[in-house]
Amino acid sequence: MEKINLIVCGACGRMGSLIVELALKDNVFFIKGGIEVKNHPMIGKEIKSGIKVFDNLEKIIEKDDIIIDFTVPEATMNFLEIVKEKKGKIVIGTTGFKEEQLSKIKEIAKFIPVFLSPNMSIGVNLFFEIIKFATKILKNYEIEIEEIHHHFKKDAPSGTAKKIAEIICKERNLEIEKVTMYGRKGITGEREFNEIGIHSLRIGDIVGEHTVFYGGLGEIIEISHKCYNREIFASGALKVTKFLYKKVKGFYSMEDYIKEEVLNV
């Protein structure tokens, strides 16, 4: 495979620095540089030998370069416009997008290859497939979702929990806005069968845990995915980068990657 030119946005953050570290160990990648916010103390300096940090993506991006972005929605939307203009490609691990921002991302994907996933772990995306199957066969069971993350996480519920809820609603033909309940307080009344509770815990340094509870009369089935380090997200992001490199344009998700590269369907 020919060299993939890589630019990492949020290069000095927890995820960005780990992606840089792993990419340096893979001969497929050539890291052109990192991007950070203006006035960041690392601007103009090297995070690793030969890898300089910039405050402007336009300074270094060229056609077919792949950007990996783990930042914040506002920054991501700005990067997307630049990538579109320069005819690059982008892998997005940022979470917390609003509906109008997601619509804009999909619109831009008509012109360039865009890969978006709230969770880059291969395991958690196989977990999604298991949830899809479980929801299909456990038709008479109530469902609740619990997610736990470190106290630094800024958005709630997690993008992964939202994705789980979307999968469940699609399988049960439900409108997500009408059935989701984010925690409970006060006199909420009896739980309706189609209600889906989503509960967010923020504590300590937990990387990420997601559990789906299926409750029937006299029994509960729990299906969980627990993440113990961020390397699975970084390695997953680099795997999908190789996947996206072969694409000309279009909107892609982990579901596409799993089908093509893991399940071979």
Protein backbone atom coordinates (compact mmCIF):
# COMPACT_ATOMS: atom_id res chain seq x y z
CA MET A 1 0.00 0.00 0.00
CA GLU A 2 1.31 3.47 -0.91
CA LYS A 3 2.02 6.04 1.77
CA ILE A 4 -0.97 7.83 3.29
CA ASN A 5 -0.37 11.49 4.13
CA LEU A 6 -1.92 12.10 7.53
CA ILE A 7 -2.78 15.29 9.45
CA VAL A 8 -4.01 14.94 13.03
CA CYS A 9 -6.37 17.61 14.39
CA GLY A 10 -6.25 17.90 18.16
CA ALA A 11 -2.76 16.42 17.95
CA CYS A 12 -1.79 17.34 21.51
CA GLY A 13 -4.93 15.98 23.12
CA ARG A 14 -5.34 12.54 24.70
CA MET A 15 -6.61 10.88 21.53
CA GLY A 16 -4.60 12.93 19.06
CA SER A 17 -1.25 12.23 20.71
CA LEU A 18 -2.03 8.51 20.87
CA ILE A 19 -2.96 8.44 17.19
CA VAL A 20 0.34 10.13 16.35
CA GLU A 21 2.23 7.61 18.48
CA LEU A 22 0.61 4.59 16.81
CA ALA A 23 0.81 6.05 13.29
CA LEU A 24 4.57 6.50 13.68
CA LYS A 25 4.85 2.74 14.19
CA ASP A 26 2.99 1.99 10.95
CA ASN A 27 5.02 2.44 7.77
CA VAL A 28 1.86 3.10 5.75
CA PHE A 29 1.50 6.57 7.25
CA PHE A 30 3.45 9.78 6.75
CA ILE A 31 2.41 12.39 9.32
CA LYS A 32 2.56 15.83 7.71
CA GLY A 33 1.76 17.64 10.94
CA GLY A 34 -0.65 18.25 13.76
CA ILE A 35 -3.30 20.93 14.24
CA GLU A 36 -4.15 22.70 17.49
CA VAL A 37 -6.10 25.79 18.51
CA LYS A 38 -4.53 29.22 18.09
CA ASN A 39 -2.25 30.26 20.98
CA HIS A 40 -1.74 26.64 22.05
CA PRO A 41 1.72 26.43 23.69
CA MET A 42 2.84 23.76 21.20
CA ILE A 43 2.18 25.83 18.06
CA GLY A 44 5.36 25.95 15.97
CA LYS A 45 6.98 23.20 18.04
CA GLU A 46 7.46 19.50 17.35
CA ILE A 47 5.41 16.90 19.24
CA LYS A 48 7.63 14.17 17.83
CA SER A 49 10.76 14.39 15.73
CA GLY A 50 9.82 16.09 12.48
CA ILE A 51 6.12 16.48 13.34
CA LYS A 52 5.29 20.15 13.75
CA VAL A 53 2.12 21.63 15.25
CA PHE A 54 0.19 24.25 13.24
CA ASP A 55 -2.79 26.44 14.08
CA ASN A 56 -4.19 26.49 10.54
CA LEU A 57 -5.13 23.40 8.54
CA GLU A 58 -4.96 25.34 5.27
CA LYS A 59 -1.20 25.77 5.73
CA ILE A 60 -0.43 22.09 5.23
CA ILE A 61 -3.36 20.24 3.62
CA GLU A 62 -3.14 19.09 -0.01
CA LYS A 63 -5.30 16.97 -2.28
CA ASP A 64 -5.93 13.39 -1.00
CA ASP A 65 -4.42 14.08 2.44
CA ILE A 66 -6.40 12.39 5.19
CA ILE A 67 -7.34 14.35 8.29
CA ILE A 68 -8.13 12.55 11.54
CA ASP A 69 -10.19 14.80 13.77
CA PHE A 70 -10.90 14.30 17.48
CA THR A 71 -11.77 17.84 18.58
CA VAL A 72 -15.08 19.66 19.15
CA PRO A 73 -18.05 20.08 16.77
CA GLU A 74 -17.40 23.74 15.94
CA ALA A 75 -13.77 23.03 14.98
CA THR A 76 -14.75 19.94 13.01
CA MET A 77 -17.25 21.89 10.90
CA ASN A 78 -14.53 24.40 10.05
CA PHE A 79 -12.08 21.62 9.14
CA LEU A 80 -14.70 20.02 6.88
CA GLU A 81 -15.03 23.13 4.74
CA ILE A 82 -11.25 23.28 4.30
CA VAL A 83 -10.99 19.57 3.48
CA LYS A 84 -13.78 19.93 0.90
CA GLU A 85 -12.05 22.92 -0.71
CA LYS A 86 -8.68 21.13 -0.85
CA LYS A 87 -10.23 17.80 -2.01
CA GLY A 88 -8.92 15.86 0.94
CA LYS A 89 -10.50 13.12 3.07
CA ILE A 90 -11.53 13.15 6.72
CA VAL A 91 -12.04 10.69 9.57
CA ILE A 92 -14.17 12.20 12.36
CA GLY A 93 -14.18 10.89 15.92
CA THR A 94 -15.62 14.08 17.41
CA THR A 95 -18.92 13.67 19.31
CA GLY A 96 -21.74 15.98 20.36
CA PHE A 97 -22.95 17.17 16.93
CA LYS A 98 -26.33 18.83 16.54
CA GLU A 99 -28.76 17.52 13.90
CA GLU A 100 -28.10 20.42 11.55
CA GLN A 101 -24.36 19.81 11.81
CA LEU A 102 -24.82 16.10 10.98
CA SER A 103 -26.90 17.09 7.95
CA LYS A 104 -24.11 19.42 6.81
CA ILE A 105 -21.50 16.67 7.25
CA LYS A 106 -23.55 14.32 5.04
CA GLU A 107 -23.97 17.06 2.46
CA ILE A 108 -20.20 17.63 2.28
CA ALA A 109 -19.74 13.85 1.91
CA LYS A 110 -21.31 14.14 -1.55
CA PHE A 111 -18.04 15.77 -2.65
CA ILE A 112 -15.30 14.10 -0.54
CA PRO A 113 -14.90 10.88 1.48
CA VAL A 114 -16.09 11.39 5.07
CA PHE A 115 -15.93 8.77 7.81
CA LEU A 116 -17.87 9.52 11.00
CA SER A 117 -18.14 7.37 14.10
CA PRO A 118 -18.79 8.30 17.75
CA ASN A 119 -16.72 5.26 18.73
CA MET A 120 -13.75 3.94 16.74
CA SER A 121 -13.42 0.68 18.68
CA ILE A 122 -13.89 -2.36 16.43
CA GLY A 123 -15.18 -4.29 19.45
CA VAL A 124 -17.85 -1.77 20.36
CA ASN A 125 -19.09 -1.73 16.78
CA LEU A 126 -19.40 -5.51 16.83
CA PHE A 127 -21.26 -4.91 20.11
CA PHE A 128 -23.70 -2.78 18.09
CA GLU A 129 -24.34 -5.78 15.83
CA ILE A 130 -25.06 -7.92 18.91
CA ILE A 131 -27.48 -5.28 20.24
CA LYS A 132 -29.25 -5.22 16.89
CA PHE A 133 -29.71 -9.00 17.01
CA ALA A 134 -30.72 -9.05 20.70
CA THR A 135 -33.32 -6.32 20.20
CA LYS A 136 -34.76 -8.24 17.27
CA ILE A 137 -35.31 -11.46 19.25
CA LEU A 138 -36.15 -9.96 22.68
CA LYS A 139 -39.35 -8.35 21.43
CA ASN A 140 -41.23 -8.51 24.74
CA TYR A 141 -38.44 -7.04 26.89
CA GLU A 142 -38.14 -3.48 28.17
CA ILE A 143 -34.81 -1.74 27.43
CA GLU A 144 -32.59 0.64 29.40
CA ILE A 145 -29.12 1.96 28.53
CA GLU A 146 -26.35 2.92 30.97
CA GLU A 147 -23.06 4.58 30.07
CA ILE A 148 -20.12 5.47 32.33
CA HIS A 149 -17.22 7.77 31.45
CA HIS A 150 -14.41 9.74 33.08
CA HIS A 151 -15.20 13.07 34.71
CA PHE A 152 -13.45 15.00 31.89
CA LYS A 153 -16.10 14.07 29.29
CA LYS A 154 -18.03 17.15 28.22
CA ASP A 155 -21.12 15.74 26.47
CA ALA A 156 -23.88 13.47 27.75
CA PRO A 157 -25.17 11.01 26.89
CA SER A 158 -22.18 9.63 25.03
CA GLY A 159 -22.26 9.37 21.25
CA THR A 160 -22.06 5.60 21.69
CA ALA A 161 -25.16 5.54 23.94
CA LYS A 162 -27.03 7.62 21.36
CA LYS A 163 -25.98 5.16 18.67
CA ILE A 164 -27.27 2.26 20.77
CA ALA A 165 -30.61 4.03 21.17
CA GLU A 166 -30.79 4.64 17.41
CA ILE A 167 -30.18 0.94 16.72
CA ILE A 168 -32.88 -0.10 19.18
CA CYS A 169 -35.41 2.38 17.79
CA LYS A 170 -34.72 1.31 14.23
CA GLU A 171 -35.27 -2.36 15.12
CA ARG A 172 -38.51 -1.56 16.97
CA ASN A 173 -39.72 1.05 14.49
CA LEU A 174 -39.82 3.78 17.14
CA GLU A 175 -39.21 7.55 16.93
CA ILE A 176 -36.19 8.19 19.14
CA GLU A 177 -37.31 11.67 20.22
CA LYS A 178 -40.62 10.31 21.52
CA VAL A 179 -39.38 7.29 23.51
CA THR A 180 -36.03 8.26 25.09
CA MET A 181 -35.90 9.33 28.75
CA TYR A 182 -32.67 10.87 30.02
CA GLY A 183 -32.56 9.84 33.67
CA ARG A 184 -35.61 10.23 35.86
CA LYS A 185 -36.70 12.66 38.54
CA GLY A 186 -39.94 13.35 40.43
CA ILE A 187 -43.27 11.70 39.72
CA THR A 188 -42.65 10.24 36.29
CA GLY A 189 -45.56 7.79 36.32
CA GLU A 190 -45.40 4.16 35.34
CA ARG A 191 -42.84 3.20 32.76
CA GLU A 192 -44.32 2.66 29.31
CA PHE A 193 -43.10 -0.42 27.46
CA ASN A 194 -41.53 1.47 24.55
CA GLU A 195 -39.72 3.94 26.82
CA ILE A 196 -35.93 3.75 26.61
CA GLY A 197 -34.06 5.15 29.59
CA ILE A 198 -30.54 6.48 28.99
CA HIS A 199 -28.45 7.04 32.11
CA SER A 200 -25.08 8.83 32.15
CA LEU A 201 -22.51 8.46 34.92
CA ARG A 202 -19.35 10.61 35.11
CA ILE A 203 -16.79 9.43 37.61
CA GLY A 204 -13.05 8.85 38.03
CA ASP A 205 -10.96 7.97 34.98
CA ILE A 206 -13.18 5.29 33.41
CA VAL A 207 -12.47 5.23 29.67
CA GLY A 208 -15.92 4.00 28.71
CA GLU A 209 -18.51 1.40 29.65
CA HIS A 210 -21.87 0.75 28.00
CA THR A 211 -24.54 -1.68 29.17
CA VAL A 212 -27.92 -2.47 27.66
CA PHE A 213 -30.49 -4.02 30.01
CA TYR A 214 -33.32 -6.15 28.63
CA GLY A 215 -35.96 -6.61 31.32
CA GLY A 216 -38.64 -9.27 31.27
CA LEU A 217 -40.91 -10.68 33.96
CA GLY A 218 -38.66 -12.25 36.59
CA GLU A 219 -35.39 -11.76 34.68
CA ILE A 220 -32.94 -9.23 33.25
CA ILE A 221 -30.43 -9.79 30.47
CA GLU A 222 -27.38 -7.49 30.43
CA ILE A 223 -25.08 -6.99 27.44
CA SER A 224 -21.98 -4.89 28.09
CA HIS A 225 -18.90 -3.50 26.44
CA LYS A 226 -16.09 -2.19 28.66
CA CYS A 227 -13.11 -0.26 27.41
CA TYR A 228 -9.92 -0.21 29.50
CA ASN A 229 -7.65 2.02 27.43
CA ARG A 230 -7.84 4.56 24.60
CA GLU A 231 -5.50 2.64 22.32
CA ILE A 232 -8.44 0.69 20.87
CA PHE A 233 -9.96 3.98 19.65
CA ALA A 234 -6.67 5.20 18.17
CA SER A 235 -5.90 1.90 16.44
CA GLY A 236 -9.48 1.76 15.16
CA ALA A 237 -9.18 5.28 13.76
CA LEU A 238 -6.04 4.29 11.85
CA LYS A 239 -7.72 1.15 10.49
CA VAL A 240 -10.65 3.13 9.12
CA THR A 241 -8.21 5.69 7.69
CA LYS A 242 -6.77 2.93 5.48
CA PHE A 243 -10.34 1.99 4.55
CA LEU A 244 -11.26 5.59 3.65
CA TYR A 245 -8.10 6.12 1.63
CA LYS A 246 -9.53 3.82 -1.06
CA LYS A 247 -12.76 5.86 -1.36
CA VAL A 248 -13.43 8.68 -3.82
CA LYS A 249 -16.40 10.31 -2.06
CA GLY A 250 -19.33 9.43 0.19
CA PHE A 251 -20.42 9.19 3.81
CA TYR A 252 -19.10 6.15 5.70
CA SER A 253 -19.56 4.79 9.20
CA MET A 254 -18.24 1.91 11.28
CA GLU A 255 -21.15 -0.15 10.00
CA ASP A 256 -19.69 0.14 6.49
CA TYR A 257 -16.22 -0.76 7.75
CA ILE A 258 -17.49 -3.79 9.69
CA LYS A 259 -19.42 -5.08 6.66
CA GLU A 260 -16.59 -4.63 4.17
CA GLU A 261 -13.47 -5.32 6.22
CA VAL A 262 -14.56 -7.57 9.12
CA LEU A 263 -17.67 -9.50 8.04
CA ASN A 264 -16.78 -9.37 4.31
CA VAL A 265 -20.40 -8.94 3.19
